[in-house]
Amino acid sequence: CASSMTCAMVNCQYGCEEVKGEVQCLCPSGGLQLGPN
């Protein structure tokens, strides 16, 4: 059983990671931040 909030389903611009069962999108550089979406 895989979390239904997998990276592919979340549709992150630059990939993501799972933290405590929650999917979070990542930004590849410190000069970028996650947008409102």
PDB file of all heavy atoms in Angstrom:
ATOM      1  N   CYS A   1       0.844  -1.182   0.000  1.00  0.00           N
ATOM      2  CA  CYS A   1       0.000   0.000   0.000  1.00  0.00           C
ATOM      3  C   CYS A   1       0.882   1.236   0.000  1.00  0.00           C
ATOM      4  O   CYS A   1       1.744   1.387   0.863  1.00  0.00           O
ATOM      5  CB  CYS A   1      -0.900   0.006   1.227  1.00  0.00           C
ATOM      6  SG  CYS A   1      -2.098  -1.346   1.194  1.00  0.00           S
ATOM      7  N   ALA A   2       0.681   2.095  -0.968  1.00  0.00           N
ATOM      8  CA  ALA A   2       1.457   3.332  -1.059  1.00  0.00           C
ATOM      9  C   ALA A   2       0.541   4.493  -0.753  1.00  0.00           C
ATOM     10  O   ALA A   2      -0.650   4.457  -1.058  1.00  0.00           O
ATOM     11  CB  ALA A   2       2.052   3.487  -2.445  1.00  0.00           C
ATOM     12  N   SER A   3       1.109   5.518  -0.146  1.00  0.00           N
ATOM     13  CA  SER A   3       0.327   6.703   0.156  1.00  0.00           C
ATOM     14  C   SER A   3      -0.265   7.219  -1.151  1.00  0.00           C
ATOM     15  O   SER A   3       0.421   7.339  -2.149  1.00  0.00           O
ATOM     16  CB  SER A   3       1.226   7.767   0.782  1.00  0.00           C
ATOM     17  OG  SER A   3       0.533   8.984   0.858  1.00  0.00           O
ATOM     18  N   SER A   4      -1.560   7.503  -1.125  1.00  0.00           N
ATOM     19  CA  SER A   4      -2.214   7.934  -2.362  1.00  0.00           C
ATOM     20  C   SER A   4      -1.785   9.349  -2.738  1.00  0.00           C
ATOM     21  O   SER A   4      -2.097   9.844  -3.796  1.00  0.00           O
ATOM     22  CB  SER A   4      -3.731   7.856  -2.222  1.00  0.00           C
ATOM     23  OG  SER A   4      -4.149   8.676  -1.163  1.00  0.00           O
ATOM     24  N   MET A   5      -1.020  10.001  -1.849  1.00  0.00           N
ATOM     25  CA  MET A   5      -0.478  11.321  -2.153  1.00  0.00           C
ATOM     26  C   MET A   5       0.952  11.165  -2.657  1.00  0.00           C
ATOM     27  O   MET A   5       1.877  11.748  -2.130  1.00  0.00           O
ATOM     28  CB  MET A   5      -0.500  12.184  -0.884  1.00  0.00           C
ATOM     29  CG  MET A   5      -1.887  12.581  -0.447  1.00  0.00           C
ATOM     30  SD  MET A   5      -2.601  13.804  -1.552  1.00  0.00           S
ATOM     31  CE  MET A   5      -1.736  15.257  -1.012  1.00  0.00           C
ATOM     32  N   THR A   6       1.144  10.320  -3.632  1.00  0.00           N
ATOM     33  CA  THR A   6       2.492  10.107  -4.145  1.00  0.00           C
ATOM     34  C   THR A   6       2.927  11.326  -4.955  1.00  0.00           C
ATOM     35  O   THR A   6       2.112  12.134  -5.363  1.00  0.00           O
ATOM     36  CB  THR A   6       2.563   8.851  -5.041  1.00  0.00           C
ATOM     37  OG1 THR A   6       1.587   8.984  -6.066  1.00  0.00           O
ATOM     38  CG2 THR A   6       2.330   7.588  -4.257  1.00  0.00           C
ATOM     39  N   CYS A   7       4.240  11.420  -5.190  1.00  0.00           N
ATOM     40  CA  CYS A   7       4.792  12.575  -5.892  1.00  0.00           C
ATOM     41  C   CYS A   7       4.120  12.805  -7.244  1.00  0.00           C
ATOM     42  O   CYS A   7       3.838  13.931  -7.613  1.00  0.00           O
ATOM     43  CB  CYS A   7       6.300  12.402  -6.089  1.00  0.00           C
ATOM     44  SG  CYS A   7       7.226  12.645  -4.558  1.00  0.00           S
ATOM     45  N   ALA A   8       3.864  11.730  -7.959  1.00  0.00           N
ATOM     46  CA  ALA A   8       3.262  11.855  -9.284  1.00  0.00           C
ATOM     47  C   ALA A   8       1.875  12.488  -9.186  1.00  0.00           C
ATOM     48  O   ALA A   8       1.482  13.280 -10.035  1.00  0.00           O
ATOM     49  CB  ALA A   8       3.168  10.496  -9.948  1.00  0.00           C
ATOM     50  N   MET A   9       1.152  12.131  -8.137  1.00  0.00           N
ATOM     51  CA  MET A   9      -0.217  12.644  -7.991  1.00  0.00           C
ATOM     52  C   MET A   9      -0.226  14.094  -7.518  1.00  0.00           C
ATOM     53  O   MET A   9      -1.100  14.864  -7.868  1.00  0.00           O
ATOM     54  CB  MET A   9      -1.002  11.769  -7.016  1.00  0.00           C
ATOM     55  CG  MET A   9      -1.248  10.371  -7.557  1.00  0.00           C
ATOM     56  SD  MET A   9      -2.037   9.339  -6.355  1.00  0.00           S
ATOM     57  CE  MET A   9      -3.736   9.831  -6.568  1.00  0.00           C
ATOM     58  N   VAL A  10       0.779  14.466  -6.714  1.00  0.00           N
ATOM     59  CA  VAL A  10       0.846  15.838  -6.207  1.00  0.00           C
ATOM     60  C   VAL A  10       1.264  16.788  -7.333  1.00  0.00           C
ATOM     61  O   VAL A  10       0.907  17.948  -7.336  1.00  0.00           O
ATOM     62  CB  VAL A  10       1.819  15.924  -5.008  1.00  0.00           C
ATOM     63  CG1 VAL A  10       1.989  17.354  -4.536  1.00  0.00           C
ATOM     64  CG2 VAL A  10       1.308  15.079  -3.858  1.00  0.00           C
ATOM     65  N   ASN A  11       2.005  16.249  -8.303  1.00  0.00           N
ATOM     66  CA  ASN A  11       2.411  17.016  -9.483  1.00  0.00           C
ATOM     67  C   ASN A  11       3.301  18.204  -9.115  1.00  0.00           C
ATOM     68  O   ASN A  11       2.996  19.341  -9.431  1.00  0.00           O
ATOM     69  CB  ASN A  11       1.166  17.464 -10.262  1.00  0.00           C
ATOM     70  CG  ASN A  11       1.496  17.860 -11.687  1.00  0.00           C
ATOM     71  OD1 ASN A  11       2.585  17.559 -12.189  1.00  0.00           O
ATOM     72  ND2 ASN A  11       0.581  18.531 -12.349  1.00  0.00           N
ATOM     73  N   CYS A  12       4.414  17.906  -8.429  1.00  0.00           N
ATOM     74  CA  CYS A  12       5.363  18.946  -8.036  1.00  0.00           C
ATOM     75  C   CYS A  12       6.207  19.350  -9.244  1.00  0.00           C
ATOM     76  O   CYS A  12       6.505  18.526 -10.097  1.00  0.00           O
ATOM     77  CB  CYS A  12       6.300  18.429  -6.953  1.00  0.00           C
ATOM     78  SG  CYS A  12       5.498  18.081  -5.376  1.00  0.00           S
ATOM     79  N   GLN A  13       6.608  20.619  -9.256  1.00  0.00           N
ATOM     80  CA  GLN A  13       7.423  21.130 -10.368  1.00  0.00           C
ATOM     81  C   GLN A  13       8.817  20.508 -10.357  1.00  0.00           C
ATOM     82  O   GLN A  13       9.371  20.190 -11.394  1.00  0.00           O
ATOM     83  CB  GLN A  13       7.527  22.655 -10.252  1.00  0.00           C
ATOM     84  CG  GLN A  13       8.215  23.318 -11.429  1.00  0.00           C
ATOM     85  CD  GLN A  13       8.289  24.837 -11.290  1.00  0.00           C
ATOM     86  OE1 GLN A  13       8.050  25.385 -10.228  1.00  0.00           O
ATOM     87  NE2 GLN A  13       8.622  25.500 -12.363  1.00  0.00           N
ATOM     88  N   TYR A  14       9.405  20.344  -9.158  1.00  0.00           N
ATOM     89  CA  TYR A  14      10.782  19.842  -9.063  1.00  0.00           C
ATOM     90  C   TYR A  14      10.920  18.599  -8.194  1.00  0.00           C
ATOM     91  O   TYR A  14      11.964  18.371  -7.626  1.00  0.00           O
ATOM     92  CB  TYR A  14      11.706  20.933  -8.505  1.00  0.00           C
ATOM     93  CG  TYR A  14      11.888  22.116  -9.415  1.00  0.00           C
ATOM     94  CD1 TYR A  14      11.277  23.337  -9.136  1.00  0.00           C
ATOM     95  CD2 TYR A  14      12.679  22.034 -10.554  1.00  0.00           C
ATOM     96  CE1 TYR A  14      11.456  24.436  -9.965  1.00  0.00           C
ATOM     97  CE2 TYR A  14      12.848  23.128 -11.385  1.00  0.00           C
ATOM     98  CZ  TYR A  14      12.246  24.321 -11.081  1.00  0.00           C
ATOM     99  OH  TYR A  14      12.423  25.402 -11.905  1.00  0.00           O
ATOM    100  N   GLY A  15       9.874  17.796  -8.031  1.00  0.00           N
ATOM    101  CA  GLY A  15       9.984  16.594  -7.210  1.00  0.00           C
ATOM    102  C   GLY A  15       9.592  16.868  -5.775  1.00  0.00           C
ATOM    103  O   GLY A  15       9.365  17.999  -5.369  1.00  0.00           O
ATOM    104  N   CYS A  16       9.515  15.766  -4.991  1.00  0.00           N
ATOM    105  CA  CYS A  16       9.053  15.932  -3.626  1.00  0.00           C
ATOM    106  C   CYS A  16       9.631  14.889  -2.701  1.00  0.00           C
ATOM    107  O   CYS A  16      10.337  13.983  -3.119  1.00  0.00           O
ATOM    108  CB  CYS A  16       7.530  15.907  -3.582  1.00  0.00           C
ATOM    109  SG  CYS A  16       6.818  14.300  -3.927  1.00  0.00           S
ATOM    110  N   GLU A  17       9.300  15.040  -1.421  1.00  0.00           N
ATOM    111  CA  GLU A  17       9.730  14.073  -0.412  1.00  0.00           C
ATOM    112  C   GLU A  17       8.548  13.801   0.505  1.00  0.00           C
ATOM    113  O   GLU A  17       7.628  14.599   0.596  1.00  0.00           O
ATOM    114  CB  GLU A  17      10.917  14.620   0.387  1.00  0.00           C
ATOM    115  CG  GLU A  17      10.589  15.873   1.193  1.00  0.00           C
ATOM    116  CD  GLU A  17      11.766  16.401   1.997  1.00  0.00           C
ATOM    117  OE1 GLU A  17      12.816  15.742   2.053  1.00  0.00           O
ATOM    118  OE2 GLU A  17      11.610  17.486   2.577  1.00  0.00           O
ATOM    119  N   GLU A  18       8.624  12.628   1.169  1.00  0.00           N
ATOM    120  CA  GLU A  18       7.566  12.284   2.108  1.00  0.00           C
ATOM    121  C   GLU A  18       8.075  12.522   3.510  1.00  0.00           C
ATOM    122  O   GLU A  18       9.125  12.026   3.896  1.00  0.00           O
ATOM    123  CB  GLU A  18       7.165  10.818   1.931  1.00  0.00           C
ATOM    124  CG  GLU A  18       5.753  10.678   1.390  1.00  0.00           C
ATOM    125  CD  GLU A  18       5.303   9.248   1.273  1.00  0.00           C
ATOM    126  OE1 GLU A  18       4.840   8.710   2.288  1.00  0.00           O
ATOM    127  OE2 GLU A  18       5.426   8.681   0.177  1.00  0.00           O
ATOM    128  N   VAL A  19       7.353  13.326   4.260  1.00  0.00           N
ATOM    129  CA  VAL A  19       7.714  13.595   5.644  1.00  0.00           C
ATOM    130  C   VAL A  19       6.531  13.213   6.522  1.00  0.00           C
ATOM    131  O   VAL A  19       5.455  13.778   6.388  1.00  0.00           O
ATOM    132  CB  VAL A  19       8.072  15.096   5.847  1.00  0.00           C
ATOM    133  CG1 VAL A  19       8.527  15.351   7.272  1.00  0.00           C
ATOM    134  CG2 VAL A  19       9.146  15.530   4.871  1.00  0.00           C
ATOM    135  N   LYS A  20       6.740  12.234   7.400  1.00  0.00           N
ATOM    136  CA  LYS A  20       5.695  11.739   8.311  1.00  0.00           C
ATOM    137  C   LYS A  20       4.405  11.434   7.557  1.00  0.00           C
ATOM    138  O   LYS A  20       3.314  11.851   7.952  1.00  0.00           O
ATOM    139  CB  LYS A  20       5.446  12.748   9.426  1.00  0.00           C
ATOM    140  CG  LYS A  20       6.637  12.918  10.350  1.00  0.00           C
ATOM    141  CD  LYS A  20       6.399  14.023  11.355  1.00  0.00           C
ATOM    142  CE  LYS A  20       7.658  14.287  12.167  1.00  0.00           C
ATOM    143  NZ  LYS A  20       7.650  15.591  12.817  1.00  0.00           N
ATOM    144  N   GLY A  21       4.531  10.736   6.428  1.00  0.00           N
ATOM    145  CA  GLY A  21       3.366  10.322   5.651  1.00  0.00           C
ATOM    146  C   GLY A  21       2.743  11.410   4.811  1.00  0.00           C
ATOM    147  O   GLY A  21       1.767  11.188   4.117  1.00  0.00           O
ATOM    148  N   GLU A  22       3.304  12.622   4.888  1.00  0.00           N
ATOM    149  CA  GLU A  22       2.796  13.725   4.079  1.00  0.00           C
ATOM    150  C   GLU A  22       3.780  14.058   2.978  1.00  0.00           C
ATOM    151  O   GLU A  22       4.982  14.036   3.180  1.00  0.00           O
ATOM    152  CB  GLU A  22       2.593  14.966   4.957  1.00  0.00           C
ATOM    153  CG  GLU A  22       1.163  15.126   5.423  1.00  0.00           C
ATOM    154  CD  GLU A  22       0.940  16.457   6.126  1.00  0.00           C
ATOM    155  OE1 GLU A  22       1.294  17.493   5.530  1.00  0.00           O
ATOM    156  OE2 GLU A  22       0.413  16.441   7.244  1.00  0.00           O
ATOM    157  N   VAL A  23       3.236  14.369   1.799  1.00  0.00           N
ATOM    158  CA  VAL A  23       4.095  14.691   0.660  1.00  0.00           C
ATOM    159  C   VAL A  23       4.325  16.194   0.594  1.00  0.00           C
ATOM    160  O   VAL A  23       3.384  16.981   0.698  1.00  0.00           O
ATOM    161  CB  VAL A  23       3.446  14.169  -0.649  1.00  0.00           C
ATOM    162  CG1 VAL A  23       4.192  14.673  -1.858  1.00  0.00           C
ATOM    163  CG2 VAL A  23       3.439  12.647  -0.649  1.00  0.00           C
ATOM    164  N   GLN A  24       5.582  16.585   0.481  1.00  0.00           N
ATOM    165  CA  GLN A  24       5.933  17.999   0.370  1.00  0.00           C
ATOM    166  C   GLN A  24       6.752  18.215  -0.890  1.00  0.00           C
ATOM    167  O   GLN A  24       7.682  17.469  -1.152  1.00  0.00           O
ATOM    168  CB  GLN A  24       6.789  18.427   1.574  1.00  0.00           C
ATOM    169  CG  GLN A  24       5.997  18.655   2.833  1.00  0.00           C
ATOM    170  CD  GLN A  24       6.901  19.105   3.973  1.00  0.00           C
ATOM    171  OE1 GLN A  24       8.072  18.779   4.030  1.00  0.00           O
ATOM    172  NE2 GLN A  24       6.331  19.856   4.900  1.00  0.00           N
ATOM    173  N   CYS A  25       6.369  19.235  -1.664  1.00  0.00           N
ATOM    174  CA  CYS A  25       7.143  19.568  -2.861  1.00  0.00           C
ATOM    175  C   CYS A  25       8.448  20.236  -2.450  1.00  0.00           C
ATOM    176  O   CYS A  25       8.527  20.869  -1.405  1.00  0.00           O
ATOM    177  CB  CYS A  25       6.338  20.506  -3.769  1.00  0.00           C
ATOM    178  SG  CYS A  25       4.896  19.707  -4.507  1.00  0.00           S
ATOM    179  N   LEU A  26       9.453  20.054  -3.286  1.00  0.00           N
ATOM    180  CA  LEU A  26      10.778  20.616  -3.003  1.00  0.00           C
ATOM    181  C   LEU A  26      11.158  21.660  -4.041  1.00  0.00           C
ATOM    182  O   LEU A  26      10.687  21.605  -5.168  1.00  0.00           O
ATOM    183  CB  LEU A  26      11.833  19.508  -3.041  1.00  0.00           C
ATOM    184  CG  LEU A  26      11.713  18.387  -2.018  1.00  0.00           C
ATOM    185  CD1 LEU A  26      12.701  17.287  -2.323  1.00  0.00           C
ATOM    186  CD2 LEU A  26      11.944  18.908  -0.616  1.00  0.00           C
ATOM    187  N   CYS A  27      12.034  22.568  -3.661  1.00  0.00           N
ATOM    188  CA  CYS A  27      12.628  23.524  -4.597  1.00  0.00           C
ATOM    189  C   CYS A  27      14.128  23.257  -4.643  1.00  0.00           C
ATOM    190  O   CYS A  27      14.743  23.030  -3.602  1.00  0.00           O
ATOM    191  CB  CYS A  27      12.344  24.961  -4.168  1.00  0.00           C
ATOM    192  SG  CYS A  27      10.611  25.414  -4.398  1.00  0.00           S
ATOM    193  N   PRO A  28      14.727  23.270  -5.847  1.00  0.00           N
ATOM    194  CA  PRO A  28      16.126  22.856  -5.992  1.00  0.00           C
ATOM    195  C   PRO A  28      17.166  23.849  -5.500  1.00  0.00           C
ATOM    196  O   PRO A  28      18.333  23.528  -5.454  1.00  0.00           O
ATOM    197  CB  PRO A  28      16.267  22.642  -7.502  1.00  0.00           C
ATOM    198  CG  PRO A  28      15.239  23.522  -8.107  1.00  0.00           C
ATOM    199  CD  PRO A  28      14.103  23.593  -7.137  1.00  0.00           C
ATOM    200  N   SER A  29      16.756  25.041  -5.121  1.00  0.00           N
ATOM    201  CA  SER A  29      17.752  26.013  -4.661  1.00  0.00           C
ATOM    202  C   SER A  29      17.184  26.865  -3.546  1.00  0.00           C
ATOM    203  O   SER A  29      15.970  27.043  -3.432  1.00  0.00           O
ATOM    204  CB  SER A  29      18.209  26.888  -5.843  1.00  0.00           C
ATOM    205  OG  SER A  29      17.919  28.234  -5.650  1.00  0.00           O
ATOM    206  N   GLY A  30      18.093  27.387  -2.712  1.00  0.00           N
ATOM    207  CA  GLY A  30      17.679  28.228  -1.597  1.00  0.00           C
ATOM    208  C   GLY A  30      17.108  29.557  -2.050  1.00  0.00           C
ATOM    209  O   GLY A  30      16.476  30.252  -1.274  1.00  0.00           O
ATOM    210  N   GLY A  31      17.326  29.901  -3.312  1.00  0.00           N
ATOM    211  CA  GLY A  31      16.806  31.150  -3.857  1.00  0.00           C
ATOM    212  C   GLY A  31      15.401  31.015  -4.411  1.00  0.00           C
ATOM    213  O   GLY A  31      14.881  31.925  -5.050  1.00  0.00           O
ATOM    214  N   LEU A  32      14.792  29.850  -4.168  1.00  0.00           N
ATOM    215  CA  LEU A  32      13.414  29.606  -4.612  1.00  0.00           C
ATOM    216  C   LEU A  32      12.581  29.211  -3.409  1.00  0.00           C
ATOM    217  O   LEU A  32      13.078  28.605  -2.467  1.00  0.00           O
ATOM    218  CB  LEU A  32      13.373  28.463  -5.640  1.00  0.00           C
ATOM    219  CG  LEU A  32      14.097  28.671  -6.970  1.00  0.00           C
ATOM    220  CD1 LEU A  32      14.112  27.385  -7.772  1.00  0.00           C
ATOM    221  CD2 LEU A  32      13.447  29.771  -7.786  1.00  0.00           C
ATOM    222  N   GLN A  33      11.302  29.544  -3.460  1.00  0.00           N
ATOM    223  CA  GLN A  33      10.393  29.118  -2.394  1.00  0.00           C
ATOM    224  C   GLN A  33       9.112  28.587  -3.008  1.00  0.00           C
ATOM    225  O   GLN A  33       8.764  28.944  -4.134  1.00  0.00           O
ATOM    226  CB  GLN A  33      10.109  30.278  -1.439  1.00  0.00           C
ATOM    227  CG  GLN A  33       9.394  31.450  -2.101  1.00  0.00           C
ATOM    228  CD  GLN A  33       9.263  32.651  -1.180  1.00  0.00           C
ATOM    229  OE1 GLN A  33       9.857  32.697  -0.122  1.00  0.00           O
ATOM    230  NE2 GLN A  33       8.472  33.627  -1.601  1.00  0.00           N
ATOM    231  N   LEU A  34       8.421  27.735  -2.257  1.00  0.00           N
ATOM    232  CA  LEU A  34       7.164  27.165  -2.751  1.00  0.00           C
ATOM    233  C   LEU A  34       6.127  28.263  -2.910  1.00  0.00           C
ATOM    234  O   LEU A  34       5.973  29.106  -2.030  1.00  0.00           O
ATOM    235  CB  LEU A  34       6.644  26.098  -1.793  1.00  0.00           C
ATOM    236  CG  LEU A  34       7.190  24.686  -1.964  1.00  0.00           C
ATOM    237  CD1 LEU A  34       6.557  23.756  -0.952  1.00  0.00           C
ATOM    238  CD2 LEU A  34       6.968  24.144  -3.361  1.00  0.00           C
ATOM    239  N   GLY A  35       5.452  28.225  -4.035  1.00  0.00           N
ATOM    240  CA  GLY A  35       4.402  29.198  -4.322  1.00  0.00           C
ATOM    241  C   GLY A  35       3.146  28.889  -3.532  1.00  0.00           C
ATOM    242  O   GLY A  35       3.077  27.871  -2.829  1.00  0.00           O
ATOM    243  N   PRO A  36       2.120  29.726  -3.652  1.00  0.00           N
ATOM    244  CA  PRO A  36       0.878  29.524  -2.899  1.00  0.00           C
ATOM    245  C   PRO A  36       0.207  28.174  -3.159  1.00  0.00           C
ATOM    246  O   PRO A  36      -0.476  27.645  -2.285  1.00  0.00           O
ATOM    247  CB  PRO A  36      -0.026  30.674  -3.376  1.00  0.00           C
ATOM    248  CG  PRO A  36       0.904  31.688  -3.967  1.00  0.00           C
ATOM    249  CD  PRO A  36       2.070  30.925  -4.503  1.00  0.00           C
ATOM    250  N   ASN A  37       0.423  27.602  -4.362  1.00  0.00           N
ATOM    251  CA  ASN A  37      -0.227  26.316  -4.668  1.00  0.00           C
ATOM    252  C   ASN A  37       0.526  25.126  -4.066  1.00  0.00           C
ATOM    253  O   ASN A  37       0.065  23.998  -4.138  1.00  0.00           O
ATOM    254  CB  ASN A  37      -0.398  26.136  -6.186  1.00  0.00           C
ATOM    255  CG  ASN A  37       0.934  26.074  -6.936  1.00  0.00           C
ATOM    256  OD1 ASN A  37       2.013  26.061  -6.338  1.00  0.00           O
ATOM    257  ND2 ASN A  37       0.862  26.036  -8.250  1.00  0.00           N
TER     258      ASN A  37
END
